[in-house]
PDB file of N, CA and C in Angstrom:
ATOM      1  N   UNK A   1       6.683  -6.322  -0.815  1.00  0.00           N
ATOM      2  CA  UNK A   1       5.796  -6.627  -1.956  1.00  0.00           C
ATOM      3  C   UNK A   1       4.577  -5.748  -1.452  1.00  0.00           C
ATOM      4  N   UNK A   2       4.186  -5.019  -0.458  1.00  0.00           N
ATOM      5  CA  UNK A   2       2.881  -4.072  -0.019  1.00  0.00           C
ATOM      6  C   UNK A   2       3.397  -2.933  -0.643  1.00  0.00           C
ATOM      7  N   UNK A   3       4.729  -2.431  -1.241  1.00  0.00           N
ATOM      8  CA  UNK A   3       5.292  -1.442  -1.792  1.00  0.00           C
ATOM      9  C   UNK A   3       4.982  -1.362  -3.464  1.00  0.00           C
ATOM     10  N   UNK A   4       4.836  -2.512  -3.756  1.00  0.00           N
ATOM     11  CA  UNK A   4       4.663  -2.624  -5.285  1.00  0.00           C
ATOM     12  C   UNK A   4       4.018  -1.715  -6.192  1.00  0.00           C
ATOM     13  N   UNK A   5       4.001  -1.523  -7.686  1.00  0.00           N
ATOM     14  CA  UNK A   5       3.194  -0.861  -8.087  1.00  0.00           C
ATOM     15  C   UNK A   5       2.162  -1.577  -8.940  1.00  0.00           C
ATOM     16  N   UNK A   6       1.294  -0.809  -9.440  1.00  0.00           N
ATOM     17  CA  UNK A   6       0.090  -1.611  -9.856  1.00  0.00           C
ATOM     18  C   UNK A   6       0.720  -1.738 -11.463  1.00  0.00           C
ATOM     19  N   UNK A   7       1.560  -1.644 -12.086  1.00  0.00           N
ATOM     20  CA  UNK A   7       1.924  -1.790 -13.476  1.00  0.00           C
ATOM     21  C   UNK A   7       2.124  -3.778 -13.191  1.00  0.00           C
ATOM     22  N   UNK A   8       1.700  -3.735 -14.703  1.00  0.00           N
ATOM     23  CA  UNK A   8       1.556  -5.363 -15.239  1.00  0.00           C
ATOM     24  C   UNK A   8       2.647  -6.226 -14.491  1.00  0.00           C
ATOM     25  N   UNK A   9       3.838  -5.813 -14.305  1.00  0.00           N
ATOM     26  CA  UNK A   9       4.635  -6.585 -13.796  1.00  0.00           C
ATOM     27  C   UNK A   9       4.960  -6.808 -12.371  1.00  0.00           C
ATOM     28  N   UNK A  10       4.383  -5.758 -11.796  1.00  0.00           N
ATOM     29  CA  UNK A  10       4.154  -5.688 -10.548  1.00  0.00           C
ATOM     30  C   UNK A  10       5.792  -5.352  -9.834  1.00  0.00           C
ATOM     31  N   UNK A  11       6.374  -4.241 -10.389  1.00  0.00           N
ATOM     32  CA  UNK A  11       7.928  -4.094 -10.164  1.00  0.00           C
ATOM     33  C   UNK A  11       7.832  -2.789  -8.984  1.00  0.00           C
ATOM     34  N   UNK A  12       9.253  -3.226  -8.553  1.00  0.00           N
ATOM     35  CA  UNK A  12       9.759  -1.965  -7.587  1.00  0.00           C
ATOM     36  C   UNK A  12      10.994  -2.303  -7.556  1.00  0.00           C
ATOM     37  N   UNK A  13      11.792  -1.054  -7.681  1.00  0.00           N
ATOM     38  CA  UNK A  13      13.080  -0.813  -7.289  1.00  0.00           C
ATOM     39  C   UNK A  13      13.381  -0.483  -5.603  1.00  0.00           C
ATOM     40  N   UNK A  14      14.595  -1.794  -5.220  1.00  0.00           N
ATOM     41  CA  UNK A  14      14.511  -1.913  -4.118  1.00  0.00           C
ATOM     42  C   UNK A  14      14.523  -0.392  -3.355  1.00  0.00           C
ATOM     43  N   UNK A  15      15.479   0.471  -3.955  1.00  0.00           N
ATOM     44  CA  UNK A  15      15.759   1.828  -3.540  1.00  0.00           C
ATOM     45  C   UNK A  15      14.367   2.235  -2.887  1.00  0.00           C
ATOM     46  N   UNK A  16      13.528   2.201  -3.777  1.00  0.00           N
ATOM     47  CA  UNK A  16      12.040   2.412  -3.200  1.00  0.00           C
ATOM     48  C   UNK A  16      11.669   1.921  -1.874  1.00  0.00           C
ATOM     49  N   UNK A  17      12.036   0.476  -1.564  1.00  0.00           N
ATOM     50  CA  UNK A  17      11.731  -0.072  -0.409  1.00  0.00           C
ATOM     51  C   UNK A  17      11.973   0.387   0.598  1.00  0.00           C
ATOM     52  N   UNK A  18      13.696   1.045   0.484  1.00  0.00           N
ATOM     53  CA  UNK A  18      14.471   1.492   1.379  1.00  0.00           C
ATOM     54  C   UNK A  18      13.825   3.063   1.685  1.00  0.00           C
ATOM     55  N   UNK A  19      13.705   3.899   0.707  1.00  0.00           N
ATOM     56  CA  UNK A  19      12.839   4.763   1.226  1.00  0.00           C
ATOM     57  C   UNK A  19      11.509   4.895   1.960  1.00  0.00           C
ATOM     58  N   UNK A  20      10.764   3.941   1.805  1.00  0.00           N
ATOM     59  CA  UNK A  20       9.800   3.528   2.476  1.00  0.00           C
ATOM     60  C   UNK A  20       9.883   3.079   3.681  1.00  0.00           C
ATOM     61  N   UNK A  21      10.744   2.175   3.866  1.00  0.00           N
ATOM     62  CA  UNK A  21      11.040   1.954   5.558  1.00  0.00           C
ATOM     63  C   UNK A  21      11.576   3.058   6.106  1.00  0.00           C
ATOM     64  N   UNK A  22      12.385   3.918   5.413  1.00  0.00           N
ATOM     65  CA  UNK A  22      13.101   4.866   6.118  1.00  0.00           C
ATOM     66  C   UNK A  22      12.246   5.923   6.792  1.00  0.00           C
ATOM     67  N   UNK A  23      10.998   6.063   5.891  1.00  0.00           N
ATOM     68  CA  UNK A  23       9.905   7.131   6.167  1.00  0.00           C
ATOM     69  C   UNK A  23       8.838   6.461   7.332  1.00  0.00           C
ATOM     70  N   UNK A  24       8.852   5.183   7.288  1.00  0.00           N
ATOM     71  CA  UNK A  24       7.895   4.676   8.167  1.00  0.00           C
ATOM     72  C   UNK A  24       8.481   4.318   9.313  1.00  0.00           C
ATOM     73  N   UNK A  25       9.770   4.170   9.495  1.00  0.00           N
ATOM     74  CA  UNK A  25      10.833   3.993  10.788  1.00  0.00           C
ATOM     75  C   UNK A  25      11.809   4.888  10.871  1.00  0.00           C
ATOM     76  N   UNK A  26      11.417   6.213  10.929  1.00  0.00           N
ATOM     77  CA  UNK A  26      12.639   7.451  11.046  1.00  0.00           C
ATOM     78  C   UNK A  26      13.916   7.157  12.259  1.00  0.00           C
ATOM     79  N   UNK A  27      12.953   6.645  13.063  1.00  0.00           N
ATOM     80  CA  UNK A  27      13.902   6.295  14.484  1.00  0.00           C
ATOM     81  C   UNK A  27      14.104   4.544  14.529  1.00  0.00           C
ATOM     82  N   UNK A  28      15.314   4.462  14.192  1.00  0.00           N
ATOM     83  CA  UNK A  28      15.522   3.115  13.947  1.00  0.00           C
ATOM     84  C   UNK A  28      15.980   2.280  15.410  1.00  0.00           C
ATOM     85  N   UNK A  29      16.506   3.170  16.343  1.00  0.00           N
ATOM     86  CA  UNK A  29      16.656   2.687  17.695  1.00  0.00           C
ATOM     87  C   UNK A  29      15.343   2.522  18.319  1.00  0.00           C
ATOM     88  N   UNK A  30      14.306   3.380  18.125  1.00  0.00           N
ATOM     89  CA  UNK A  30      13.027   2.933  18.668  1.00  0.00           C
ATOM     90  C   UNK A  30      12.463   2.028  18.428  1.00  0.00           C
ATOM     91  N   UNK A  31      12.525   1.712  16.863  1.00  0.00           N
ATOM     92  CA  UNK A  31      12.093   0.624  16.450  1.00  0.00           C
ATOM     93  C   UNK A  31      12.677  -0.895  16.824  1.00  0.00           C
ATOM     94  N   UNK A  32      14.289  -0.690  17.231  1.00  0.00           N
ATOM     95  CA  UNK A  32      14.808  -1.948  17.996  1.00  0.00           C
ATOM     96  C   UNK A  32      14.076  -2.052  19.299  1.00  0.00           C
ATOM     97  N   UNK A  33      13.829  -0.848  20.228  1.00  0.00           N
ATOM     98  CA  UNK A  33      13.425  -1.170  21.406  1.00  0.00           C
ATOM     99  C   UNK A  33      11.779  -1.694  21.281  1.00  0.00           C
ATOM    100  N   UNK A  34      11.128  -1.053  20.453  1.00  0.00           N
ATOM    101  CA  UNK A  34       9.766  -1.598  20.459  1.00  0.00           C
ATOM    102  C   UNK A  34       9.561  -2.978  19.927  1.00  0.00           C
ATOM    103  N   UNK A  35      10.248  -3.571  19.153  1.00  0.00           N
ATOM    104  CA  UNK A  35      10.401  -4.942  18.445  1.00  0.00           C
ATOM    105  C   UNK A  35      11.445  -5.713  18.857  1.00  0.00           C
ATOM    106  N   UNK A  36      12.371  -5.489  19.822  1.00  0.00           N
ATOM    107  CA  UNK A  36      13.457  -6.595  20.084  1.00  0.00           C
ATOM    108  C   UNK A  36      14.479  -6.748  19.235  1.00  0.00           C
ATOM    109  N   UNK A  37      13.897  -6.242  17.966  1.00  0.00           N
ATOM    110  CA  UNK A  37      15.324  -6.534  16.764  1.00  0.00           C
ATOM    111  C   UNK A  37      16.531  -6.036  17.027  1.00  0.00           C
ATOM    112  N   UNK A  38      17.587  -6.661  16.400  1.00  0.00           N
ATOM    113  CA  UNK A  38      19.077  -5.790  16.804  1.00  0.00           C
ATOM    114  C   UNK A  38      18.927  -4.700  15.669  1.00  0.00           C
ATOM    115  N   UNK A  39      20.147  -3.820  15.848  1.00  0.00           N
ATOM    116  CA  UNK A  39      20.171  -2.654  15.317  1.00  0.00           C
ATOM    117  C   UNK A  39      20.942  -3.261  13.868  1.00  0.00           C
ATOM    118  N   UNK A  40      21.895  -4.670  13.881  1.00  0.00           N
ATOM    119  CA  UNK A  40      22.218  -5.593  12.823  1.00  0.00           C
ATOM    120  C   UNK A  40      20.952  -5.834  11.961  1.00  0.00           C
ATOM    121  N   UNK A  41      20.321  -6.403  12.391  1.00  0.00           N
ATOM    122  CA  UNK A  41      19.131  -6.893  11.744  1.00  0.00           C
ATOM    123  C   UNK A  41      18.462  -5.821  10.789  1.00  0.00           C
ATOM    124  N   UNK A  42      18.158  -4.975  11.571  1.00  0.00           N
ATOM    125  CA  UNK A  42      17.583  -3.652  10.936  1.00  0.00           C
ATOM    126  C   UNK A  42      18.482  -3.198   9.712  1.00  0.00           C
ATOM    127  N   UNK A  43      19.590  -2.897  10.134  1.00  0.00           N
ATOM    128  CA  UNK A  43      20.537  -2.163   9.037  1.00  0.00           C
ATOM    129  C   UNK A  43      20.661  -3.056   7.707  1.00  0.00           C
ATOM    130  N   UNK A  44      20.360  -4.349   7.705  1.00  0.00           N
ATOM    131  CA  UNK A  44      20.437  -5.186   6.832  1.00  0.00           C
ATOM    132  C   UNK A  44      19.397  -4.479   5.383  1.00  0.00           C
ATOM    133  N   UNK A  45      18.554  -3.689   5.576  1.00  0.00           N
ATOM    134  CA  UNK A  45      17.603  -2.820   4.757  1.00  0.00           C
ATOM    135  C   UNK A  45      18.658  -2.039   4.171  1.00  0.00           C
ATOM    136  N   UNK A  46      19.518  -1.559   4.754  1.00  0.00           N
ATOM    137  CA  UNK A  46      20.549  -0.559   3.872  1.00  0.00           C
ATOM    138  C   UNK A  46      21.339  -1.288   2.557  1.00  0.00           C
ATOM    139  N   UNK A  47      21.713  -2.513   2.564  1.00  0.00           N
ATOM    140  CA  UNK A  47      21.981  -3.118   1.353  1.00  0.00           C
ATOM    141  C   UNK A  47      21.446  -2.783   0.050  1.00  0.00           C
ATOM    142  N   UNK A  48      19.981  -2.055   0.185  1.00  0.00           N
ATOM    143  CA  UNK A  48      19.496  -1.422  -1.017  1.00  0.00           C
ATOM    144  C   UNK A  48      19.904  -0.134  -1.540  1.00  0.00           C
ATOM    145  N   UNK A  49      20.690   1.004  -0.527  1.00  0.00           N
ATOM    146  CA  UNK A  49      20.991   2.001  -0.907  1.00  0.00           C
ATOM    147  C   UNK A  49      21.777   1.956  -2.105  1.00  0.00           C
ATOM    148  N   UNK A  50      21.108   3.132  -3.015  1.00  0.00           N
ATOM    149  CA  UNK A  50      21.793   3.024  -4.190  1.00  0.00           C
ATOM    150  C   UNK A  50      21.864   1.964  -5.343  1.00  0.00           C
ATOM    151  N   UNK A  51      20.852   0.932  -5.038  1.00  0.00           N
ATOM    152  CA  UNK A  51      20.661   0.181  -6.104  1.00  0.00           C
ATOM    153  C   UNK A  51      19.921   0.037  -6.927  1.00  0.00           C
ATOM    154  N   UNK A  52      20.242  -0.274  -8.167  1.00  0.00           N
ATOM    155  CA  UNK A  52      19.062  -0.036  -9.486  1.00  0.00           C
ATOM    156  C   UNK A  52      18.742  -1.372  -9.396  1.00  0.00           C
ATOM    157  N   UNK A  53      18.457  -2.305  -8.620  1.00  0.00           N
ATOM    158  CA  UNK A  53      17.830  -3.650  -8.514  1.00  0.00           C
ATOM    159  C   UNK A  53      16.492  -3.572  -8.414  1.00  0.00           C
ATOM    160  N   UNK A  54      15.698  -4.248  -9.381  1.00  0.00           N
ATOM    161  CA  UNK A  54      14.407  -3.843  -9.012  1.00  0.00           C
ATOM    162  C   UNK A  54      13.477  -5.547  -9.078  1.00  0.00           C
ATOM    163  N   UNK A  55      12.768  -5.398  -7.937  1.00  0.00           N
ATOM    164  CA  UNK A  55      11.979  -7.021  -7.758  1.00  0.00           C
ATOM    165  C   UNK A  55      10.697  -7.004  -8.777  1.00  0.00           C
ATOM    166  N   UNK A  56      10.143  -8.222  -8.857  1.00  0.00           N
ATOM    167  CA  UNK A  56       9.214  -8.211  -9.509  1.00  0.00           C
ATOM    168  C   UNK A  56       7.919  -9.579  -8.662  1.00  0.00           C
ATOM    169  N   UNK A  57       6.935  -9.099  -8.095  1.00  0.00           N
ATOM    170  CA  UNK A  57       6.319  -9.824  -7.208  1.00  0.00           C
ATOM    171  C   UNK A  57       5.001 -10.017  -8.407  1.00  0.00           C
ATOM    172  N   UNK A  58       5.411 -11.448  -8.596  1.00  0.00           N
ATOM    173  CA  UNK A  58       4.164 -12.033  -9.516  1.00  0.00           C
ATOM    174  C   UNK A  58       3.049 -12.378  -8.450  1.00  0.00           C
ATOM    175  N   UNK A  59       1.803 -12.417  -8.769  1.00  0.00           N
ATOM    176  CA  UNK A  59       0.636 -12.741  -7.990  1.00  0.00           C
ATOM    177  C   UNK A  59       0.529 -14.440  -8.004  1.00  0.00           C
ATOM    178  N   UNK A  60       0.068 -14.836  -7.622  1.00  0.00           N
ATOM    179  CA  UNK A  60      -0.623 -16.514  -7.681  1.00  0.00           C
ATOM    180  C   UNK A  60      -1.281 -16.452  -8.850  1.00  0.00           C
ATOM    181  N   UNK A  61      -2.231 -15.827  -9.069  1.00  0.00           N
ATOM    182  CA  UNK A  61      -2.586 -15.982 -10.464  1.00  0.00           C
ATOM    183  C   UNK A  61      -1.891 -16.109 -11.668  1.00  0.00           C
ATOM    184  N   UNK A  62      -0.943 -15.436 -11.483  1.00  0.00           N
ATOM    185  CA  UNK A  62      -0.021 -15.036 -12.781  1.00  0.00           C
ATOM    186  C   UNK A  62       1.233 -16.298 -12.932  1.00  0.00           C
ATOM    187  N   UNK A  63       1.461 -16.892 -11.681  1.00  0.00           N
ATOM    188  CA  UNK A  63       2.075 -18.027 -11.527  1.00  0.00           C
ATOM    189  C   UNK A  63       1.458 -18.997 -12.171  1.00  0.00           C
ATOM    190  N   UNK A  64       0.099 -18.959 -11.347  1.00  0.00           N
ATOM    191  CA  UNK A  64      -0.723 -20.598 -11.835  1.00  0.00           C
ATOM    192  C   UNK A  64      -0.790 -20.447 -13.471  1.00  0.00           C
ATOM    193  N   UNK A  65      -1.339 -19.115 -14.080  1.00  0.00           N
ATOM    194  CA  UNK A  65      -1.270 -19.117 -15.436  1.00  0.00           C
ATOM    195  C   UNK A  65      -0.010 -19.489 -16.451  1.00  0.00           C
ATOM    196  N   UNK A  66       1.124 -18.911 -15.919  1.00  0.00           N
ATOM    197  CA  UNK A  66       2.376 -19.324 -16.569  1.00  0.00           C
ATOM    198  C   UNK A  66       2.754 -20.548 -16.454  1.00  0.00           C
ATOM    199  N   UNK A  67       2.631 -21.248 -15.497  1.00  0.00           N
ATOM    200  CA  UNK A  67       2.946 -22.841 -14.941  1.00  0.00           C
ATOM    201  C   UNK A  67       1.938 -23.569 -16.137  1.00  0.00           C
ATOM    202  N   UNK A  68       0.778 -23.032 -16.542  1.00  0.00           N
ATOM    203  CA  UNK A  68       0.043 -23.943 -16.979  1.00  0.00           C
ATOM    204  C   UNK A  68       0.374 -24.218 -18.320  1.00  0.00           C
ATOM    205  N   UNK A  69       1.181 -23.226 -18.997  1.00  0.00           N
ATOM    206  CA  UNK A  69       1.905 -23.318 -20.125  1.00  0.00           C
ATOM    207  C   UNK A  69       2.826 -24.585 -20.448  1.00  0.00           C
ATOM    208  N   UNK A  70       3.220 -24.842 -19.153  1.00  0.00           N
ATOM    209  CA  UNK A  70       4.695 -25.804 -19.170  1.00  0.00           C
ATOM    210  C   UNK A  70       4.511 -27.205 -18.543  1.00  0.00           C
ATOM    211  N   UNK A  71       3.477 -27.604 -17.670  1.00  0.00           N
ATOM    212  CA  UNK A  71       2.833 -28.263 -16.709  1.00  0.00           C
ATOM    213  C   UNK A  71       1.486 -28.766 -17.094  1.00  0.00           C
ATOM    214  N   UNK A  72       1.266 -30.104 -17.145  1.00  0.00           N
ATOM    215  CA  UNK A  72       0.028 -30.903 -17.325  1.00  0.00           C
ATOM    216  C   UNK A  72      -0.585 -30.496 -15.865  1.00  0.00           C
ATOM    217  N   UNK A  73      -0.031 -30.658 -14.878  1.00  0.00           N
ATOM    218  CA  UNK A  73      -0.900 -30.491 -13.529  1.00  0.00           C
ATOM    219  C   UNK A  73      -0.870 -29.134 -12.917  1.00  0.00           C
ATOM    220  N   UNK A  74      -1.286 -28.118 -12.610  1.00  0.00           N
ATOM    221  CA  UNK A  74      -1.219 -27.289 -12.027  1.00  0.00           C
ATOM    222  C   UNK A  74      -2.080 -26.971 -10.720  1.00  0.00           C
ATOM    223  N   UNK A  75      -1.601 -27.045  -9.492  1.00  0.00           N
ATOM    224  CA  UNK A  75      -2.547 -26.742  -8.290  1.00  0.00           C
ATOM    225  C   UNK A  75      -1.679 -25.919  -7.390  1.00  0.00           C
ATOM    226  N   UNK A  76      -2.855 -25.283  -6.561  1.00  0.00           N
ATOM    227  CA  UNK A  76      -2.089 -24.573  -5.109  1.00  0.00           C
ATOM    228  C   UNK A  76      -2.864 -25.252  -3.883  1.00  0.00           C
ATOM    229  N   UNK A  77      -1.911 -25.328  -2.896  1.00  0.00           N
ATOM    230  CA  UNK A  77      -2.381 -26.080  -1.755  1.00  0.00           C
ATOM    231  C   UNK A  77      -1.551 -25.381  -0.771  1.00  0.00           C
ATOM    232  N   UNK A  78      -2.490 -25.411   0.601  1.00  0.00           N
ATOM    233  CA  UNK A  78      -2.101 -24.715   1.846  1.00  0.00           C
ATOM    234  C   UNK A  78      -0.679 -25.568   2.217  1.00  0.00           C
ATOM    235  N   UNK A  79       0.116 -24.600   2.817  1.00  0.00           N
ATOM    236  CA  UNK A  79       1.399 -25.075   3.310  1.00  0.00           C
ATOM    237  C   UNK A  79       1.318 -25.257   4.756  1.00  0.00           C
ATOM    238  N   UNK A  80       0.283 -25.315   5.171  1.00  0.00           N
ATOM    239  CA  UNK A  80       0.076 -25.775   6.795  1.00  0.00           C
ATOM    240  C   UNK A  80      -0.819 -24.958   7.785  1.00  0.00           C
ATOM    241  N   UNK A  81      -0.730 -24.859   8.880  1.00  0.00           N
ATOM    242  CA  UNK A  81      -1.505 -24.163   9.818  1.00  0.00           C
ATOM    243  C   UNK A  81      -1.004 -22.957  10.624  1.00  0.00           C
ATOM    244  N   UNK A  82       0.482 -22.968  10.468  1.00  0.00           N
ATOM    245  CA  UNK A  82       0.891 -21.923  11.265  1.00  0.00           C
ATOM    246  C   UNK A  82       0.604 -20.308  11.157  1.00  0.00           C
ATOM    247  N   UNK A  83       0.775 -19.431  11.721  1.00  0.00           N
ATOM    248  CA  UNK A  83       0.661 -18.020  11.630  1.00  0.00           C
ATOM    249  C   UNK A  83       0.765 -18.005  10.025  1.00  0.00           C
ATOM    250  N   UNK A  84       0.018 -16.943   9.545  1.00  0.00           N
ATOM    251  CA  UNK A  84       0.334 -16.417   7.862  1.00  0.00           C
ATOM    252  C   UNK A  84       0.473 -17.388   7.129  1.00  0.00           C
ATOM    253  N   UNK A  85       0.190 -18.764   7.498  1.00  0.00           N
ATOM    254  CA  UNK A  85       0.296 -19.922   6.456  1.00  0.00           C
ATOM    255  C   UNK A  85      -0.536 -19.625   5.314  1.00  0.00           C
ATOM    256  N   UNK A  86      -1.548 -18.657   5.185  1.00  0.00           N
ATOM    257  CA  UNK A  86      -2.657 -18.765   4.163  1.00  0.00           C
ATOM    258  C   UNK A  86      -1.910 -17.563   2.926  1.00  0.00           C
ATOM    259  N   UNK A  87      -0.503 -17.179   3.296  1.00  0.00           N
ATOM    260  CA  UNK A  87       0.307 -16.131   2.734  1.00  0.00           C
ATOM    261  C   UNK A  87       1.222 -17.169   2.238  1.00  0.00           C
ATOM    262  N   UNK A  88       1.555 -18.277   2.263  1.00  0.00           N
ATOM    263  CA  UNK A  88       2.435 -18.828   1.744  1.00  0.00           C
ATOM    264  C   UNK A  88       1.799 -20.496   1.351  1.00  0.00           C
ATOM    265  N   UNK A  89       0.935 -20.554   0.266  1.00  0.00           N
ATOM    266  CA  UNK A  89       0.693 -21.900  -0.459  1.00  0.00           C
ATOM    267  C   UNK A  89       1.790 -22.233  -1.057  1.00  0.00           C
ATOM    268  N   UNK A  90       1.715 -23.692  -1.460  1.00  0.00           N
ATOM    269  CA  UNK A  90       2.726 -24.109  -2.379  1.00  0.00           C
ATOM    270  C   UNK A  90       2.051 -24.667  -3.828  1.00  0.00           C
ATOM    271  N   UNK A  91       2.774 -24.179  -4.632  1.00  0.00           N
ATOM    272  CA  UNK A  91       2.526 -24.354  -5.844  1.00  0.00           C
ATOM    273  C   UNK A  91       2.553 -25.514  -6.317  1.00  0.00           C
ATOM    274  N   UNK A  92       2.198 -26.769  -6.667  1.00  0.00           N
ATOM    275  CA  UNK A  92       2.159 -27.887  -7.069  1.00  0.00           C
ATOM    276  C   UNK A  92       2.529 -28.020  -8.459  1.00  0.00           C
ATOM    277  N   UNK A  93       3.541 -28.461  -9.175  1.00  0.00           N
ATOM    278  CA  UNK A  93       3.457 -28.694 -10.536  1.00  0.00           C
ATOM    279  C   UNK A  93       3.548 -30.193 -10.923  1.00  0.00           C
ATOM    280  N   UNK A  94       2.911 -30.692 -11.662  1.00  0.00           N
ATOM    281  CA  UNK A  94       2.922 -32.353 -12.219  1.00  0.00           C
ATOM    282  C   UNK A  94       3.931 -32.588 -13.442  1.00  0.00           C
ATOM    283  N   UNK A  95       3.644 -33.595 -14.267  1.00  0.00           N
ATOM    284  CA  UNK A  95       4.624 -33.748 -15.348  1.00  0.00           C
ATOM    285  C   UNK A  95       4.664 -32.420 -16.225  1.00  0.00           C
ATOM    286  N   UNK A  96       6.085 -32.392 -16.623  1.00  0.00           N
ATOM    287  CA  UNK A  96       6.092 -31.041 -17.825  1.00  0.00           C
ATOM    288  C   UNK A  96       5.291 -31.677 -18.887  1.00  0.00           C
ATOM    289  N   UNK A  97       4.810 -30.287 -19.865  1.00  0.00           N
ATOM    290  CA  UNK A  97       4.454 -31.208 -20.985  1.00  0.00           C
ATOM    291  C   UNK A  97       5.234 -30.944 -22.053  1.00  0.00           C
ATOM    292  N   UNK A  98       4.995 -31.740 -23.044  1.00  0.00           N
ATOM    293  CA  UNK A  98       6.052 -32.139 -24.357  1.00  0.00           C
ATOM    294  C   UNK A  98       5.565 -30.707 -25.128  1.00  0.00           C
ATOM    295  N   UNK A  99       6.845 -30.264 -25.367  1.00  0.00           N
ATOM    296  CA  UNK A  99       6.711 -29.079 -26.161  1.00  0.00           C
ATOM    297  C   UNK A  99       6.920 -29.418 -27.804  1.00  0.00           C
TER     298      UNK A  99
END
């Protein structure tokens, strides 16, 4: 998500994610030694190689705005007090609007 572009749909090709990872961590064995992650876990990023898949990461405001078109009640609540919980709020949706 940190690599997304500033375009309206906040989209990024997954190959770009892999390229950024490889540039940031050119020595994967050193990364494994420093983090304790297995080489197999680190290697899962390679599934992006040659992919034409694009991910879109909507902002919370974008999600709330879209949901308000479809639901009577839309609110955002905290998901807990664990580390980084502020990055994982819950989007609560009430009854669907009648179209």
